[in-house]
Amino acid sequence: MSDTIQSPELQSALDENTPSQILRELAQNENKNIRFAVAKNPNTSPEVLKQLFNEFPIPVLNNFALDLILLENPDFLEELYGEHRETNPFEYDELPFFFIEWGTNHPNENIRWNVAQFQKIPYILENLSQDKDEGVRAGVASNEYTPSHILEQLAQDEDIYIRRNIAANQNTPIQILEKLAEQEDVQIKSNIARNLNTPIYTLELLFSEENIDVDIQTSFIENKNTPSHILEKLAENGSAGIRSDIARSLYTPIHILEALSKDDSEDVRSQVAGNQNTHLQILEILVQEKSSVVRRQVASNLNIPINILENLAEDESVFVRRNAADNINITVRALEKLAKDKYPLVRGSVAKNPNISNYIKEILSEDASEYVQKSLNIFESLEVRSQESEPKM
């Protein structure tokens, strides 16, 4: 057993005979296991349970004393819910069924919507799919656990937002996506173009339409299943913004990246330079660009050879040198030079690089720049946390 399990505080938190006042004090303990035990303890007062509900909703709802508390205060679940601010309590898998039903039948549509978004129980989702509130039905439509027959019913809903959610749901059956693709709404078409469940022939059908909205074009780029010939057409005829999105995407084939590396737009070429899938031969050409915007993206790329990275560490542009200093593949030799750069922006990046030696730390510890000192302190604090999180043998 660990020291935590054997601690007197944990034993008291687990003991059902511990007075509620002591449990109140233990609820403030910094040890999470102790607070968890207090949440389960049937002798814990209702007020303390409300305080702990945000952190431990499952043990509070499964507390043996809850039935008695609800007899004395029928509004207690309402009060508990009001204490849960950070996340949706209905996200949890092990919620007792009575709490799910309470949320499902609650007069507040926001609470029913929270249930609809995350619950997995078909019976509950079936009920909420027929809710009078459009927002609740939209929550069911977006839920990845909603059964296909419910999605099919909701796909015919008059509310446009519900149909949009159906189009975006990754579990929507293909035949429903095909029908929705025939609708005129741009957002529906955009969601279908982005949906990984959309078949290739439906993507091609959407692309064959005239004057494709820019949102739909962007969705094609974000979908890893989009055929390369669609991306080729967008790279040829799309706006500079669309071409930049293609150049940035990790789904873009190499031959398209090569073509975009010669684009007239500086931003497009810089996105190619920063793409981790860009081949070395392309990077070797882009590193010779007059544009510092392109070169600094090359300096950020983790695939560039050490010799090129060291050259970029001596670039005339402060931003290129800064990005080289940020690159985790930069050599200690190059970092030593950059640690003496005249710009604090560069020296600060050196301070945050995990490869810096103790010698470089000593140099930077005497740096007059407040920015460099803050950067060094951030790195050292992260280093300490990393060491503390390592398993001890």
Foldseek 3Di string as FASTA:
>chain_A
DDVVCVDPLQVLLQDLPRAQVSLLVQCPDPDPSSVLSVLQRLNHDLVSVLQCCQPHVASNQVRPNVVVVCVVPVCSLVSSCVSNDPDLPLQDDRHDPVNLVCQLPPPDVVSLLSNLQHDQDAVSLVSQCPDPDPSSVLSVLQHLNHDQVSVLVQCPDPDPSSVLSVLQRLNHAQVSLLVQCPDDDLSSLLSVLQHQNHDQVSVVVLLPDPPRDPSNLLSVLNHLPHDQVSVVVCCVPPDPVSLLSNLQGLSHDAVSLLVQCPDPDPSNVLSVLQHQPHDAVSVVVQCPDPDVSNVLSVLQHQPHDQVSLLVQCVDPDPSSVQSSLQHLPHDQVSLQVQCPDPDLSNVLSVLQHPRHDVVSVVSLVPDPDPSNVVSNVVNVVVVVVVVVPDDDD
